[in-house]
PDB file of N, CA and C in Angstrom:
ATOM      1  N   MET A   1      88.192  88.473 103.004  1.00  0.00           N
ATOM      2  CA  MET A   1      88.655  89.446 103.082  1.00  0.00           C
ATOM      3  C   MET A   1      87.570  90.046 103.381  1.00  0.00           C
ATOM      4  N   SER A   2      86.602  90.882 104.319  1.00  0.00           N
ATOM      5  CA  SER A   2      86.212  91.476 103.742  1.00  0.00           C
ATOM      6  C   SER A   2      87.004  92.542 103.979  1.00  0.00           C
ATOM      7  N   LEU A   3      85.646  94.505 103.506  1.00  0.00           N
ATOM      8  CA  LEU A   3      85.948  95.275 103.878  1.00  0.00           C
ATOM      9  C   LEU A   3      86.880  96.033 104.575  1.00  0.00           C
ATOM     10  N   GLY A   4      85.655  95.490 105.544  1.00  0.00           N
ATOM     11  CA  GLY A   4      86.690  96.403 107.196  1.00  0.00           C
ATOM     12  C   GLY A   4      87.431  95.492 108.047  1.00  0.00           C
ATOM     13  N   MET A   5      87.629  94.273 107.439  1.00  0.00           N
ATOM     14  CA  MET A   5      88.760  93.740 108.277  1.00  0.00           C
ATOM     15  C   MET A   5      89.962  94.161 107.594  1.00  0.00           C
ATOM     16  N   SER A   6      90.229  94.787 106.360  1.00  0.00           N
ATOM     17  CA  SER A   6      90.998  95.173 106.006  1.00  0.00           C
ATOM     18  C   SER A   6      91.184  96.041 106.052  1.00  0.00           C
ATOM     19  N   ALA A   7      90.264  97.454 105.945  1.00  0.00           N
ATOM     20  CA  ALA A   7      90.837  98.556 106.883  1.00  0.00           C
ATOM     21  C   ALA A   7      91.071  98.452 107.777  1.00  0.00           C
ATOM     22  N   ALA A   8      90.652  97.610 109.071  1.00  0.00           N
ATOM     23  CA  ALA A   8      90.550  97.437 110.412  1.00  0.00           C
ATOM     24  C   ALA A   8      92.510  96.330 110.402  1.00  0.00           C
ATOM     25  N   TRP A   9      92.920  96.117 109.607  1.00  0.00           N
ATOM     26  CA  TRP A   9      94.297  94.829 109.872  1.00  0.00           C
ATOM     27  C   TRP A   9      95.370  96.003 108.326  1.00  0.00           C
ATOM     28  N   ARG A  10      94.606  97.152 108.055  1.00  0.00           N
ATOM     29  CA  ARG A  10      95.446  98.059 107.777  1.00  0.00           C
ATOM     30  C   ARG A  10      95.950  99.553 108.405  1.00  0.00           C
ATOM     31  N   ALA A  11      95.042  99.382 109.788  1.00  0.00           N
ATOM     32  CA  ALA A  11      95.608 100.646 111.140  1.00  0.00           C
ATOM     33  C   ALA A  11      96.284 100.266 111.273  1.00  0.00           C
ATOM     34  N   MET A  12      96.044  98.760 111.431  1.00  0.00           N
ATOM     35  CA  MET A  12      97.545  98.046 112.644  1.00  0.00           C
ATOM     36  C   MET A  12      98.819  98.385 112.561  1.00  0.00           C
ATOM     37  N   GLN A  13      98.465  98.900 110.968  1.00  0.00           N
ATOM     38  CA  GLN A  13     101.071  98.116 110.826  1.00  0.00           C
ATOM     39  C   GLN A  13     100.475  99.473 111.199  1.00  0.00           C
ATOM     40  N   PRO A  14     101.638  99.313 111.058  1.00  0.00           N
ATOM     41  CA  PRO A  14     102.666 100.950 111.489  1.00  0.00           C
ATOM     42  C   PRO A  14     102.872 101.924 109.553  1.00  0.00           C
ATOM     43  N   LYS A  15     102.812 103.106 109.987  1.00  0.00           N
ATOM     44  CA  LYS A  15     103.167 103.899 108.329  1.00  0.00           C
ATOM     45  C   LYS A  15     104.498 102.997 108.588  1.00  0.00           C
ATOM     46  N   GLN A  16     104.803 103.340 106.746  1.00  0.00           N
ATOM     47  CA  GLN A  16     105.821 102.865 105.972  1.00  0.00           C
ATOM     48  C   GLN A  16     106.474 104.395 105.686  1.00  0.00           C
ATOM     49  N   GLU A  17     107.050 104.461 105.537  1.00  0.00           N
ATOM     50  CA  GLU A  17     108.036 105.953 104.911  1.00  0.00           C
ATOM     51  C   GLU A  17     109.278 104.727 103.813  1.00  0.00           C
ATOM     52  N   ARG A  18     109.479 104.862 102.910  1.00  0.00           N
ATOM     53  CA  ARG A  18     110.394 105.081 102.121  1.00  0.00           C
ATOM     54  C   ARG A  18     111.977 105.830 101.387  1.00  0.00           C
ATOM     55  N   CYS A  19     112.432 104.792 101.814  1.00  0.00           N
ATOM     56  CA  CYS A  19     114.351 105.902 102.383  1.00  0.00           C
ATOM     57  C   CYS A  19     114.642 105.677 100.758  1.00  0.00           C
ATOM     58  N   GLU A  20     115.400 107.318 101.059  1.00  0.00           N
ATOM     59  CA  GLU A  20     115.715 107.352  99.810  1.00  0.00           C
ATOM     60  C   GLU A  20     117.541 106.840  99.208  1.00  0.00           C
ATOM     61  N   ARG A  21     117.737 106.686 100.102  1.00  0.00           N
ATOM     62  CA  ARG A  21     119.040 106.056  99.583  1.00  0.00           C
ATOM     63  C   ARG A  21     118.788 104.552  99.835  1.00  0.00           C
ATOM     64  N   CYS A  22     117.940 103.747  99.903  1.00  0.00           N
ATOM     65  CA  CYS A  22     118.373 102.648  99.669  1.00  0.00           C
ATOM     66  C   CYS A  22     117.298 102.025  99.409  1.00  0.00           C
ATOM     67  N   GLU A  23     115.959 103.261  99.087  1.00  0.00           N
ATOM     68  CA  GLU A  23     114.461 102.527  98.355  1.00  0.00           C
ATOM     69  C   GLU A  23     113.968 101.646  98.917  1.00  0.00           C
ATOM     70  N   LEU A  24     113.752 101.822 100.216  1.00  0.00           N
ATOM     71  CA  LEU A  24     113.682 100.192 101.132  1.00  0.00           C
ATOM     72  C   LEU A  24     112.760 101.361 101.754  1.00  0.00           C
ATOM     73  N   TYR A  25     111.274 100.451 102.086  1.00  0.00           N
ATOM     74  CA  TYR A  25     110.999 101.349 103.581  1.00  0.00           C
ATOM     75  C   TYR A  25     111.273 100.322 104.736  1.00  0.00           C
ATOM     76  N   TYR A  26     110.841 101.563 105.751  1.00  0.00           N
ATOM     77  CA  TYR A  26     111.505 101.910 106.992  1.00  0.00           C
ATOM     78  C   TYR A  26     109.841 102.292 107.876  1.00  0.00           C
ATOM     79  N   PRO A  27     109.343 101.399 109.736  1.00  0.00           N
ATOM     80  CA  PRO A  27     108.770 102.439 110.412  1.00  0.00           C
ATOM     81  C   PRO A  27     109.259 104.018 110.153  1.00  0.00           C
ATOM     82  N   GLU A  28     107.687 105.296 109.569  1.00  0.00           N
ATOM     83  CA  GLU A  28     107.807 105.966 109.658  1.00  0.00           C
ATOM     84  C   GLU A  28     108.241 106.722 111.514  1.00  0.00           C
ATOM     85  N   HIS A  29     108.035 106.311 112.685  1.00  0.00           N
ATOM     86  CA  HIS A  29     108.897 106.235 113.641  1.00  0.00           C
ATOM     87  C   HIS A  29     109.126 106.516 114.411  1.00  0.00           C
ATOM     88  N   LEU A  30     110.472 106.014 112.985  1.00  0.00           N
ATOM     89  CA  LEU A  30     112.028 105.800 113.739  1.00  0.00           C
ATOM     90  C   LEU A  30     113.115 106.889 113.714  1.00  0.00           C
ATOM     91  N   GLY A  31     112.683 107.991 112.058  1.00  0.00           N
ATOM     92  CA  GLY A  31     113.125 108.346 112.296  1.00  0.00           C
ATOM     93  C   GLY A  31     113.836 108.514 111.274  1.00  0.00           C
ATOM     94  N   GLU A  32     114.408 107.688 110.679  1.00  0.00           N
ATOM     95  CA  GLU A  32     115.313 107.366 109.801  1.00  0.00           C
ATOM     96  C   GLU A  32     116.146 105.835 109.864  1.00  0.00           C
ATOM     97  N   CYS A  33     116.197 104.767 109.065  1.00  0.00           N
ATOM     98  CA  CYS A  33     116.251 104.109 107.869  1.00  0.00           C
ATOM     99  C   CYS A  33     116.792 102.671 109.324  1.00  0.00           C
ATOM    100  N   ILE A  34     115.934 101.953 108.857  1.00  0.00           N
ATOM    101  CA  ILE A  34     117.018 100.393 109.483  1.00  0.00           C
ATOM    102  C   ILE A  34     118.611  99.783 108.669  1.00  0.00           C
ATOM    103  N   HIS A  35     117.919 100.146 107.845  1.00  0.00           N
ATOM    104  CA  HIS A  35     118.484  99.030 106.668  1.00  0.00           C
ATOM    105  C   HIS A  35     119.876  99.603 106.120  1.00  0.00           C
ATOM    106  N   CYS A  36     120.185 101.084 106.005  1.00  0.00           N
ATOM    107  CA  CYS A  36     121.122 101.627 105.751  1.00  0.00           C
ATOM    108  C   CYS A  36     121.415 103.524 106.411  1.00  0.00           C
ATOM    109  N   SER A  37     121.103 103.500 107.840  1.00  0.00           N
ATOM    110  CA  SER A  37     121.280 104.764 108.169  1.00  0.00           C
ATOM    111  C   SER A  37     122.597 104.781 108.240  1.00  0.00           C
ATOM    112  N   LYS A  38     123.370 103.066 108.487  1.00  0.00           N
ATOM    113  CA  LYS A  38     124.144 103.589 109.837  1.00  0.00           C
ATOM    114  C   LYS A  38     125.337 103.089 109.273  1.00  0.00           C
ATOM    115  N   LEU A  39     125.284 103.158 107.179  1.00  0.00           N
ATOM    116  CA  LEU A  39     125.935 102.739 106.483  1.00  0.00           C
ATOM    117  C   LEU A  39     127.120 103.358 105.332  1.00  0.00           C
ATOM    118  N   SER A  40     127.883 103.294 105.660  1.00  0.00           N
ATOM    119  CA  SER A  40     128.829 104.374 104.500  1.00  0.00           C
ATOM    120  C   SER A  40     128.214 103.682 102.758  1.00  0.00           C
ATOM    121  N   ASP A  41     128.525 105.017 102.337  1.00  0.00           N
ATOM    122  CA  ASP A  41     128.772 105.501 100.851  1.00  0.00           C
ATOM    123  C   ASP A  41     129.082 103.211 100.112  1.00  0.00           C
ATOM    124  N   ALA A  42     130.279 103.420 100.234  1.00  0.00           N
ATOM    125  CA  ALA A  42     130.700 102.150 100.080  1.00  0.00           C
ATOM    126  C   ALA A  42     129.716 100.947 100.264  1.00  0.00           C
ATOM    127  N   GLN A  43     129.364 100.784 101.204  1.00  0.00           N
ATOM    128  CA  GLN A  43     128.492  99.949 102.246  1.00  0.00           C
ATOM    129  C   GLN A  43     127.541  99.467 102.072  1.00  0.00           C
ATOM    130  N   LEU A  44     126.969 100.712 101.170  1.00  0.00           N
ATOM    131  CA  LEU A  44     125.510 100.788 100.738  1.00  0.00           C
ATOM    132  C   LEU A  44     125.626 100.191  99.226  1.00  0.00           C
ATOM    133  N   ILE A  45     127.176 100.173  98.823  1.00  0.00           N
ATOM    134  CA  ILE A  45     126.824 100.161  97.475  1.00  0.00           C
ATOM    135  C   ILE A  45     126.534  98.492  97.463  1.00  0.00           C
ATOM    136  N   ILE A  46     127.344  98.052  98.011  1.00  0.00           N
ATOM    137  CA  ILE A  46     127.316  96.298  98.692  1.00  0.00           C
ATOM    138  C   ILE A  46     126.118  95.788  98.692  1.00  0.00           C
ATOM    139  N   PHE A  47     125.925  96.658 100.121  1.00  0.00           N
ATOM    140  CA  PHE A  47     124.488  96.075 100.165  1.00  0.00           C
ATOM    141  C   PHE A  47     122.936  95.886  99.026  1.00  0.00           C
ATOM    142  N   LYS A  48     122.979  97.172  98.381  1.00  0.00           N
ATOM    143  CA  LYS A  48     122.091  97.696  97.776  1.00  0.00           C
ATOM    144  C   LYS A  48     122.079  96.283  96.825  1.00  0.00           C
ATOM    145  N   ALA A  49     123.868  95.545  96.638  1.00  0.00           N
ATOM    146  CA  ALA A  49     123.602  94.854  95.477  1.00  0.00           C
ATOM    147  C   ALA A  49     123.788  93.898  95.933  1.00  0.00           C
ATOM    148  N   HIS A  50     123.742  93.602  97.238  1.00  0.00           N
ATOM    149  CA  HIS A  50     123.304  91.891  97.332  1.00  0.00           C
ATOM    150  C   HIS A  50     121.729  91.648  97.839  1.00  0.00           C
ATOM    151  N   HIS A  51     121.415  92.484  97.860  1.00  0.00           N
ATOM    152  CA  HIS A  51     119.290  93.235  98.017  1.00  0.00           C
ATOM    153  C   HIS A  51     119.380  92.772  95.797  1.00  0.00           C
ATOM    154  N   GLN A  52     119.460  93.555  95.253  1.00  0.00           N
ATOM    155  CA  GLN A  52     119.090  92.754  94.440  1.00  0.00           C
ATOM    156  C   GLN A  52     119.497  91.094  93.564  1.00  0.00           C
ATOM    157  N   GLU A  53     120.372  90.915  93.589  1.00  0.00           N
ATOM    158  CA  GLU A  53     121.087  89.640  93.815  1.00  0.00           C
ATOM    159  C   GLU A  53     119.446  88.304  94.327  1.00  0.00           C
ATOM    160  N   THR A  54     119.455  88.997  96.057  1.00  0.00           N
ATOM    161  CA  THR A  54     118.764  88.246  96.517  1.00  0.00           C
ATOM    162  C   THR A  54     117.294  88.240  96.109  1.00  0.00           C
ATOM    163  N   LEU A  55     116.500  89.377  95.541  1.00  0.00           N
ATOM    164  CA  LEU A  55     115.768  89.555  94.511  1.00  0.00           C
ATOM    165  C   LEU A  55     115.085  89.035  93.584  1.00  0.00           C
ATOM    166  N   GLU A  56     116.229  88.728  92.980  1.00  0.00           N
ATOM    167  CA  GLU A  56     116.452  87.725  91.435  1.00  0.00           C
ATOM    168  C   GLU A  56     116.308  86.401  91.733  1.00  0.00           C
ATOM    169  N   SER A  57     117.342  85.556  92.525  1.00  0.00           N
ATOM    170  CA  SER A  57     116.384  84.868  93.312  1.00  0.00           C
ATOM    171  C   SER A  57     115.687  84.213  93.940  1.00  0.00           C
ATOM    172  N   SER A  58     114.723  84.893  94.202  1.00  0.00           N
ATOM    173  CA  SER A  58     113.646  84.829  95.085  1.00  0.00           C
ATOM    174  C   SER A  58     112.309  84.635  92.976  1.00  0.00           C
ATOM    175  N   PHE A  59     113.080  85.180  93.370  1.00  0.00           N
ATOM    176  CA  PHE A  59     112.198  85.666  91.280  1.00  0.00           C
ATOM    177  C   PHE A  59     112.610  83.759  90.439  1.00  0.00           C
ATOM    178  N   ASP A  60     113.340  83.753  90.350  1.00  0.00           N
ATOM    179  CA  ASP A  60     114.020  82.606  89.911  1.00  0.00           C
ATOM    180  C   ASP A  60     112.733  81.536  90.830  1.00  0.00           C
ATOM    181  N   LEU A  61     113.251  81.434  91.974  1.00  0.00           N
ATOM    182  CA  LEU A  61     112.587  80.375  92.474  1.00  0.00           C
ATOM    183  C   LEU A  61     110.754  80.526  92.683  1.00  0.00           C
ATOM    184  N   GLY A  62     109.790  81.052  91.940  1.00  0.00           N
ATOM    185  CA  GLY A  62     109.351  81.345  91.981  1.00  0.00           C
ATOM    186  C   GLY A  62     108.095  81.270  90.959  1.00  0.00           C
ATOM    187  N   LYS A  63     109.778  81.403  89.683  1.00  0.00           N
ATOM    188  CA  LYS A  63     109.504  80.544  88.362  1.00  0.00           C
ATOM    189  C   LYS A  63     109.154  79.021  88.356  1.00  0.00           C
ATOM    190  N   TYR A  64     109.908  78.881  89.262  1.00  0.00           N
ATOM    191  CA  TYR A  64     110.789  77.204  89.340  1.00  0.00           C
ATOM    192  C   TYR A  64     109.528  76.095  89.893  1.00  0.00           C
ATOM    193  N   PHE A  65     108.705  76.747  90.786  1.00  0.00           N
ATOM    194  CA  PHE A  65     107.109  76.395  91.205  1.00  0.00           C
ATOM    195  C   PHE A  65     105.820  76.919  90.591  1.00  0.00           C
ATOM    196  N   PHE A  66     106.526  77.316  90.014  1.00  0.00           N
ATOM    197  CA  PHE A  66     105.311  77.700  88.653  1.00  0.00           C
ATOM    198  C   PHE A  66     105.483  76.846  86.951  1.00  0.00           C
ATOM    199  N   VAL A  67     106.367  76.932  87.324  1.00  0.00           N
ATOM    200  CA  VAL A  67     106.005  75.733  86.086  1.00  0.00           C
ATOM    201  C   VAL A  67     105.992  73.674  86.546  1.00  0.00           C
ATOM    202  N   GLY A  68     106.532  73.809  88.622  1.00  0.00           N
ATOM    203  CA  GLY A  68     105.817  72.728  89.139  1.00  0.00           C
ATOM    204  C   GLY A  68     105.344  73.077  88.809  1.00  0.00           C
ATOM    205  N   ALA A  69     103.841  73.453  89.754  1.00  0.00           N
ATOM    206  CA  ALA A  69     102.736  73.529  89.685  1.00  0.00           C
ATOM    207  C   ALA A  69     102.005  73.597  88.281  1.00  0.00           C
ATOM    208  N   ILE A  70     102.138  73.946  86.799  1.00  0.00           N
ATOM    209  CA  ILE A  70     101.986  73.477  86.125  1.00  0.00           C
ATOM    210  C   ILE A  70     101.894  72.071  85.710  1.00  0.00           C
ATOM    211  N   VAL A  71     102.889  71.557  85.535  1.00  0.00           N
ATOM    212  CA  VAL A  71     103.126  70.331  85.223  1.00  0.00           C
ATOM    213  C   VAL A  71     102.432  69.415  86.688  1.00  0.00           C
ATOM    214  N   ILE A  72     102.213  68.976  87.660  1.00  0.00           N
ATOM    215  CA  ILE A  72     101.475  68.785  88.635  1.00  0.00           C
ATOM    216  C   ILE A  72      99.535  68.815  88.289  1.00  0.00           C
ATOM    217  N   GLY A  73     100.029  70.048  87.585  1.00  0.00           N
ATOM    218  CA  GLY A  73      98.117  70.599  87.848  1.00  0.00           C
ATOM    219  C   GLY A  73      98.233  69.123  86.192  1.00  0.00           C
ATOM    220  N   MET A  74      99.042  68.576  85.377  1.00  0.00           N
ATOM    221  CA  MET A  74      99.077  69.267  83.907  1.00  0.00           C
ATOM    222  C   MET A  74      98.871  67.121  84.226  1.00  0.00           C
ATOM    223  N   LEU A  75      99.441  66.895  85.503  1.00  0.00           N
ATOM    224  CA  LEU A  75      99.581  65.474  85.551  1.00  0.00           C
ATOM    225  C   LEU A  75      98.268  64.805  85.662  1.00  0.00           C
ATOM    226  N   GLY A  76      97.732  65.523  87.040  1.00  0.00           N
ATOM    227  CA  GLY A  76      96.122  65.589  87.537  1.00  0.00           C
ATOM    228  C   GLY A  76      95.576  65.160  86.976  1.00  0.00           C
ATOM    229  N   SER A  77      95.444  66.033  85.858  1.00  0.00           N
ATOM    230  CA  SER A  77      94.774  66.806  85.216  1.00  0.00           C
ATOM    231  C   SER A  77      93.668  65.173  84.569  1.00  0.00           C
ATOM    232  N   LYS A  78      95.476  64.614  83.927  1.00  0.00           N
ATOM    233  CA  LYS A  78      95.683  63.539  83.421  1.00  0.00           C
ATOM    234  C   LYS A  78      94.754  61.975  83.869  1.00  0.00           C
ATOM    235  N   GLY A  79      94.345  62.498  85.222  1.00  0.00           N
ATOM    236  CA  GLY A  79      93.966  61.682  86.506  1.00  0.00           C
ATOM    237  C   GLY A  79      92.394  61.549  86.813  1.00  0.00           C
ATOM    238  N   VAL A  80      92.490  62.756  86.575  1.00  0.00           N
ATOM    239  CA  VAL A  80      90.755  62.498  87.466  1.00  0.00           C
ATOM    240  C   VAL A  80      89.583  63.020  85.562  1.00  0.00           C
ATOM    241  N   GLY A  81      88.886  61.931  86.021  1.00  0.00           N
ATOM    242  CA  GLY A  81      87.365  61.597  85.278  1.00  0.00           C
ATOM    243  C   GLY A  81      87.512  60.438  83.682  1.00  0.00           C
ATOM    244  N   SER A  82      89.282  59.516  83.664  1.00  0.00           N
ATOM    245  CA  SER A  82      88.898  58.618  83.223  1.00  0.00           C
ATOM    246  C   SER A  82      89.304  57.804  83.387  1.00  0.00           C
ATOM    247  N   LYS A  83      88.257  57.330  82.606  1.00  0.00           N
ATOM    248  CA  LYS A  83      88.712  55.473  82.804  1.00  0.00           C
ATOM    249  C   LYS A  83      89.280  54.400  82.536  1.00  0.00           C
ATOM    250  N   GLY A  84      89.629  53.841  83.209  1.00  0.00           N
ATOM    251  CA  GLY A  84      90.859  53.045  82.534  1.00  0.00           C
ATOM    252  C   GLY A  84      90.097  51.542  81.379  1.00  0.00           C
ATOM    253  N   SER A  85      90.249  51.568  80.549  1.00  0.00           N
ATOM    254  CA  SER A  85      90.194  50.081  79.625  1.00  0.00           C
ATOM    255  C   SER A  85      89.749  49.159  81.153  1.00  0.00           C
ATOM    256  N   VAL A  86      88.404  48.252  80.781  1.00  0.00           N
ATOM    257  CA  VAL A  86      88.741  46.977  81.308  1.00  0.00           C
ATOM    258  C   VAL A  86      89.399  45.914  80.111  1.00  0.00           C
TER     259      VAL A  86
END
């Protein structure tokens, strides 16, 4: 992607603001967080715990894909360029 396209793409994205309460980003023009503005403090604790679990499970899934890619790469490299005995 060229620098000009990157700048144009960024310009089209809505301005984001980070919520001090839940630490997630929301569109600046809304004025309040779409994630936690209607949650009580108790609900916010549950929301944050659930969000953390989601992040951890996504990280674990990423590790499995990384290991799988390494295994596929190793298996694929054994077949490339090697000649079998006749």
